Structures are given as structure tokens and as C-alpha cells.
Amino acid sequence: MTCCEGFTSCNGFFLMALSFLAICLNLLPLICNYAMDSNLFVNAISCYEWWLPGLIGGGILVLPAVAMSLAAKKGGSCNSRTGMLMSAVLCLPSIVGALYCVLISLYALGKGPLICEKGSGASLSSCDFTISNFSSLANLNLSLDWYLNSNSCGGMSLPPDSENSTLLNFAENLNIDLVADNLKNYHLVTFAGLSVVGLLEIVVSALQIVAGAFGCLCGTSKRRRGQPM
């Protein structure tokens, strides 16, 4: 096995691990939402996990490059100039998917969870699933004020039902604040993680394009007939 084939095999394992991690991170807010409310569509953590940046962008679109790269380990499809070239070509969709994952995740980090945008009564019906949402991506503020400022999502007062309901309202407000803190943590972990995973996938895929080009130009370790095993 040549250096290009060995490097391709390592890239395949690394991309497989990254794609699996991206899928898990995308499913994290959906699972947490269902665990809290037993419903996937009420009180959604964010609009942007439903754009499936990790499941599609960082996961499914990366799998063809993973399959081709792993073939180098056993001297299979990548054990030829054509195979090495294909391993490089299939990394192009991976870069597109990873870039989609990064852009959606950065946009979601700038916007914050749904409870910060729409309040405690927000649901999935509050989301606007249009491409025009990302027209202002270049001007997005990524300061994470929604996470660092405790008053950005908490402190949502409830109107008193009576003069003697102060203690009840305090307890309800405290519960809302705790829920908001949990949602903010889930949102931060999910999309910060997806941003890092997407960036790593872009780097690994770009390196594989270089390795595939060298393997195609310089040749591989494919054995000829009559040579000893």
C-alpha cells in the first residue's frame, strides 16, 4: 500500500467518525425535546435542527467519500489510479455538505434557541423554513449574547391571577428560567459541535482531494499478475 492509499484509508475512518458525530449532534435536540415534552413539534429547541445540517450535510453527503476511502484499506476500489481519482471526486459533495452544516450551525448560534427568539410559548409552527432567512448571514452577530446574558431568555414574568399568587408566580417563573437554561445549553452544544465537525470534515475532505490527485498521477500499489503476494 502506498502512502496515498494509507492516507486515504485513515481519512476514511476519520470521516466516518465525524459523520457519525454530526448525525448524533443533529439528533440531540430532537431527542431532548421529545424527552421533555413527549412531542417533537411543541416547544422546539430551535428551528435549525430541522434543516438537518448534521444528518444531511455532515452525515449523508459525506458517506460516499467514506465508503470509497475505506476501500483503500483492503486494496479494493482505491487500489488503482481511477479509484484514487474517484475518492477525490466524491469528496466534493462532502465539502458541499460540510459547508452547509457549518453555515446553518453558525446561523443558528447567532440566532439562539427558539425560546430566546419567540418566548416560552414558541413551537415549531413559529419557524419560517425559507432560504430568505439566510440573506442576512453576512451581517449576523455571533456574540452569543443570548447565552451569556441570563436575562435574554429568563425573567419572563407571568401575570398574577390574584393578590396572593406571588409565590406561585415566582415558582412558575423559576421553572421557565430552568427550562430556558436547559434549552440554551442544548442549543449551544448542538450547533457549536456541528460547526467544529463541519470544519474538520472540510479540512479532511480537502486533504483527501490532494491525496487522491497524487495517487492518480503517481500510481498505486496494485499488483501485477505473476508477482508474489
Protein backbone atom coordinates (compact mmCIF):
# COMPACT_ATOMS: atom_id res chain seq x y z
CA MET A 1 0.00 0.00 0.00
CA THR A 2 1.40 3.37 -1.00
CA CYS A 3 1.46 6.48 1.16
CA CYS A 4 -1.53 7.89 -0.73
CA GLU A 5 -3.56 4.72 -0.15
CA GLY A 6 -2.63 4.59 3.55
CA PHE A 7 -3.52 8.26 3.98
CA THR A 8 -6.82 7.65 2.15
CA SER A 9 -7.66 4.77 4.49
CA CYS A 10 -7.00 6.93 7.57
CA ASN A 11 -9.12 9.71 6.10
CA GLY A 12 -11.95 7.25 5.57
CA PHE A 13 -12.03 6.26 9.25
CA PHE A 14 -11.78 9.88 10.34
CA LEU A 15 -14.60 10.99 8.02
CA MET A 16 -16.75 8.08 9.21
CA ALA A 17 -16.29 9.12 12.84
CA LEU A 18 -17.05 12.76 12.01
CA SER A 19 -20.19 11.90 10.03
CA PHE A 20 -21.47 9.70 12.87
CA LEU A 21 -20.81 12.51 15.35
CA ALA A 22 -22.61 15.03 13.12
CA ILE A 23 -25.68 12.80 12.92
CA CYS A 24 -25.71 12.30 16.72
CA LEU A 25 -25.38 16.04 17.35
CA ASN A 26 -28.24 16.80 14.98
CA LEU A 27 -30.45 14.24 16.74
CA LEU A 28 -29.53 15.54 20.23
CA PRO A 29 -32.03 18.46 20.38
CA LEU A 30 -34.76 16.32 18.80
CA ILE A 31 -34.29 13.59 21.41
CA CYS A 32 -34.08 16.11 24.27
CA ASN A 33 -37.22 17.85 23.03
CA TYR A 34 -39.12 14.57 22.90
CA ALA A 35 -37.83 13.59 26.34
CA MET A 36 -39.05 16.86 27.85
CA ASP A 37 -42.44 17.16 26.15
CA SER A 38 -43.10 13.76 24.53
CA ASN A 39 -43.69 15.75 21.37
CA LEU A 40 -41.31 16.71 18.56
CA PHE A 41 -43.23 19.77 17.41
CA VAL A 42 -44.24 21.63 20.57
CA ASN A 43 -41.71 23.90 22.32
CA ALA A 44 -38.99 23.07 19.82
CA ILE A 45 -35.45 23.85 20.95
CA SER A 46 -34.57 25.57 17.68
CA CYS A 47 -35.82 25.92 14.13
CA TYR A 48 -32.50 24.99 12.67
CA GLU A 49 -32.08 21.39 13.75
CA TRP A 50 -34.99 20.77 11.35
CA TRP A 51 -32.80 21.98 8.48
CA LEU A 52 -30.84 18.77 9.26
CA PRO A 53 -27.34 20.24 8.94
CA GLY A 54 -25.73 17.26 10.69
CA LEU A 55 -27.96 14.49 9.36
CA ILE A 56 -27.78 15.54 5.70
CA GLY A 57 -24.88 17.98 5.38
CA GLY A 58 -22.38 16.45 7.77
CA GLY A 59 -23.71 12.89 7.56
CA ILE A 60 -25.36 11.55 4.40
CA LEU A 61 -23.41 13.66 1.91
CA VAL A 62 -20.13 12.51 3.49
CA LEU A 63 -20.88 8.77 3.35
CA PRO A 64 -19.96 8.19 -0.34
CA ALA A 65 -16.48 9.59 0.28
CA VAL A 66 -16.24 7.43 3.42
CA ALA A 67 -17.12 4.26 1.51
CA MET A 68 -14.62 4.95 -1.27
CA SER A 69 -11.85 5.94 1.14
CA LEU A 70 -12.26 2.85 3.29
CA ALA A 71 -11.88 0.69 0.19
CA ALA A 72 -8.20 1.63 0.16
CA LYS A 73 -7.55 -0.39 3.32
CA LYS A 74 -8.04 -3.76 1.63
CA GLY A 75 -6.63 -2.71 -1.71
CA GLY A 76 -10.11 -2.58 -3.21
CA SER A 77 -11.62 0.19 -5.29
CA CYS A 78 -8.90 2.66 -4.41
CA ASN A 79 -6.11 0.31 -5.48
CA SER A 80 -5.91 1.96 -8.92
CA ARG A 81 -5.46 5.39 -10.42
CA THR A 82 -9.16 5.57 -11.22
CA GLY A 83 -10.10 4.59 -7.67
CA MET A 84 -7.88 7.27 -6.17
CA LEU A 85 -9.36 9.83 -8.55
CA MET A 86 -12.89 8.77 -7.56
CA SER A 87 -12.00 9.09 -3.88
CA ALA A 88 -11.05 12.70 -4.59
CA VAL A 89 -14.13 13.43 -6.71
CA LEU A 90 -16.52 12.03 -4.08
CA CYS A 91 -15.03 14.41 -1.54
CA LEU A 92 -16.56 17.35 -3.41
CA PRO A 93 -20.12 16.55 -2.21
CA SER A 94 -18.62 16.07 1.25
CA ILE A 95 -17.22 19.59 1.20
CA VAL A 96 -20.55 20.99 -0.01
CA GLY A 97 -22.43 19.12 2.74
CA ALA A 98 -19.95 20.10 5.43
CA LEU A 99 -20.11 23.74 4.31
CA TYR A 100 -23.90 23.59 4.54
CA CYS A 101 -23.56 22.14 8.04
CA VAL A 102 -21.20 24.94 9.12
CA LEU A 103 -23.32 27.77 7.66
CA ILE A 104 -26.57 26.52 9.21
CA SER A 105 -24.85 25.94 12.55
CA LEU A 106 -23.25 29.38 12.65
CA TYR A 107 -26.56 30.99 11.73
CA ALA A 108 -28.30 29.02 14.48
CA LEU A 109 -25.64 30.05 17.02
CA GLY A 110 -26.17 33.69 16.15
CA LYS A 111 -29.96 33.47 16.43
CA GLY A 112 -30.10 31.44 19.63
CA PRO A 113 -32.75 28.88 20.64
CA LEU A 114 -36.39 29.39 19.78
CA ILE A 115 -37.30 30.38 23.33
CA CYS A 116 -34.94 33.37 23.02
CA GLU A 117 -36.50 34.48 19.74
CA LYS A 118 -40.19 33.80 20.26
CA GLY A 119 -40.68 33.40 24.02
CA SER A 120 -41.81 30.48 26.14
CA GLY A 121 -44.90 29.75 24.03
CA ALA A 122 -42.95 29.15 20.81
CA SER A 123 -43.42 25.96 18.81
CA LEU A 124 -42.23 24.56 15.52
CA SER A 125 -45.04 26.45 13.77
CA SER A 126 -43.15 29.65 14.70
CA CYS A 127 -40.31 28.67 12.35
CA ASP A 128 -40.01 30.10 8.87
CA PHE A 129 -38.43 27.48 6.61
CA THR A 130 -37.36 29.68 3.71
CA ILE A 131 -33.99 30.30 2.09
CA SER A 132 -34.55 34.05 2.55
CA ASN A 133 -33.83 33.52 6.25
CA PHE A 134 -30.14 33.37 5.36
CA SER A 135 -29.98 36.51 3.23
CA SER A 136 -28.53 38.41 6.21
CA LEU A 137 -25.95 35.74 7.10
CA ALA A 138 -23.04 38.08 6.35
CA ASN A 139 -24.36 40.61 8.87
CA LEU A 140 -25.15 38.09 11.59
CA ASN A 141 -23.86 38.87 15.07
CA LEU A 142 -22.14 35.83 16.58
CA SER A 143 -21.59 37.34 20.03
CA LEU A 144 -23.63 34.63 21.85
CA ASP A 145 -25.34 37.29 23.99
CA TRP A 146 -28.37 35.02 24.19
CA TYR A 147 -26.25 32.53 26.15
CA LEU A 148 -24.08 34.85 28.23
CA ASN A 149 -26.88 37.19 29.30
CA SER A 150 -29.12 35.46 31.83
CA ASN A 151 -31.92 37.97 31.18
CA SER A 152 -32.09 37.35 27.44
CA CYS A 153 -34.33 34.31 27.81
CA GLY A 154 -35.16 34.18 31.53
CA GLY A 155 -37.12 36.58 33.63
CA MET A 156 -40.35 36.12 31.66
CA SER A 157 -42.91 37.26 34.20
CA LEU A 158 -46.38 35.80 34.33
CA PRO A 159 -49.42 37.96 35.10
CA PRO A 160 -50.71 37.33 38.64
CA ASP A 161 -54.02 35.59 38.96
CA SER A 162 -54.72 37.17 42.33
CA GLU A 163 -53.10 39.27 45.01
CA ASN A 164 -51.98 36.14 46.89
CA SER A 165 -50.37 34.38 43.92
CA THR A 166 -46.87 35.91 44.26
CA LEU A 167 -45.25 32.71 45.50
CA LEU A 168 -46.93 30.63 42.76
CA ASN A 169 -45.81 33.05 40.06
CA PHE A 170 -42.26 33.01 41.44
CA ALA A 171 -42.19 29.21 41.25
CA GLU A 172 -43.54 29.24 37.69
CA ASN A 173 -41.01 31.87 36.62
CA LEU A 174 -38.22 29.84 38.20
CA ASN A 175 -39.35 26.77 36.27
CA ILE A 176 -39.40 28.75 33.00
CA ASP A 177 -35.90 30.02 33.69
CA LEU A 178 -34.62 26.49 34.32
CA VAL A 179 -36.22 25.24 31.11
CA ALA A 180 -34.72 28.17 29.19
CA ASP A 181 -31.26 27.41 30.58
CA ASN A 182 -31.54 23.77 29.51
CA LEU A 183 -32.66 24.73 26.02
CA LYS A 184 -29.80 27.20 25.69
CA ASN A 185 -27.29 24.54 26.73
CA TYR A 186 -28.68 22.00 24.26
CA HIS A 187 -28.65 24.61 21.51
CA LEU A 188 -25.06 25.68 22.19
CA VAL A 189 -23.69 22.12 22.40
CA THR A 190 -25.51 21.04 19.25
CA PHE A 191 -24.57 23.84 16.89
CA ALA A 192 -21.12 24.64 18.28
CA GLY A 193 -20.32 20.94 17.91
CA LEU A 194 -21.73 20.82 14.38
CA SER A 195 -19.68 23.87 13.41
CA VAL A 196 -16.46 22.20 14.57
CA VAL A 197 -17.36 18.87 12.96
CA GLY A 198 -18.23 20.56 9.67
CA LEU A 199 -14.95 22.46 9.61
CA LEU A 200 -12.98 19.27 10.30
CA GLU A 201 -14.85 17.48 7.51
CA ILE A 202 -13.94 20.27 5.09
CA VAL A 203 -10.25 20.00 6.05
CA VAL A 204 -10.16 16.19 5.81
CA SER A 205 -12.03 16.17 2.50
CA ALA A 206 -9.69 18.80 1.05
CA LEU A 207 -6.68 16.73 2.14
CA GLN A 208 -8.21 13.66 0.53
CA ILE A 209 -8.65 15.54 -2.75
CA VAL A 210 -4.90 16.26 -2.69
CA ALA A 211 -4.08 12.65 -1.78
CA GLY A 212 -6.40 11.31 -4.47
CA ALA A 213 -4.83 13.58 -7.08
CA PHE A 214 -1.34 12.38 -6.13
CA GLY A 215 -2.48 8.76 -6.15
CA CYS A 216 -3.97 9.21 -9.60
CA LEU A 217 -0.85 10.90 -11.01
CA CYS A 218 1.81 8.79 -9.28
CA GLY A 219 0.11 5.39 -9.32
CA THR A 220 -0.80 2.88 -6.61
CA SER A 221 0.47 -0.43 -5.28
CA LYS A 222 -1.77 -2.60 -7.46
CA ARG A 223 -0.03 -5.96 -8.01
CA ARG A 224 0.64 -7.28 -11.47
CA ARG A 225 -0.03 -10.85 -12.49
CA GLY A 226 2.79 -13.22 -11.68
CA GLN A 227 4.13 -11.14 -8.81
CA PRO A 228 4.33 -12.87 -5.40
CA MET A 229 1.66 -11.97 -2.84
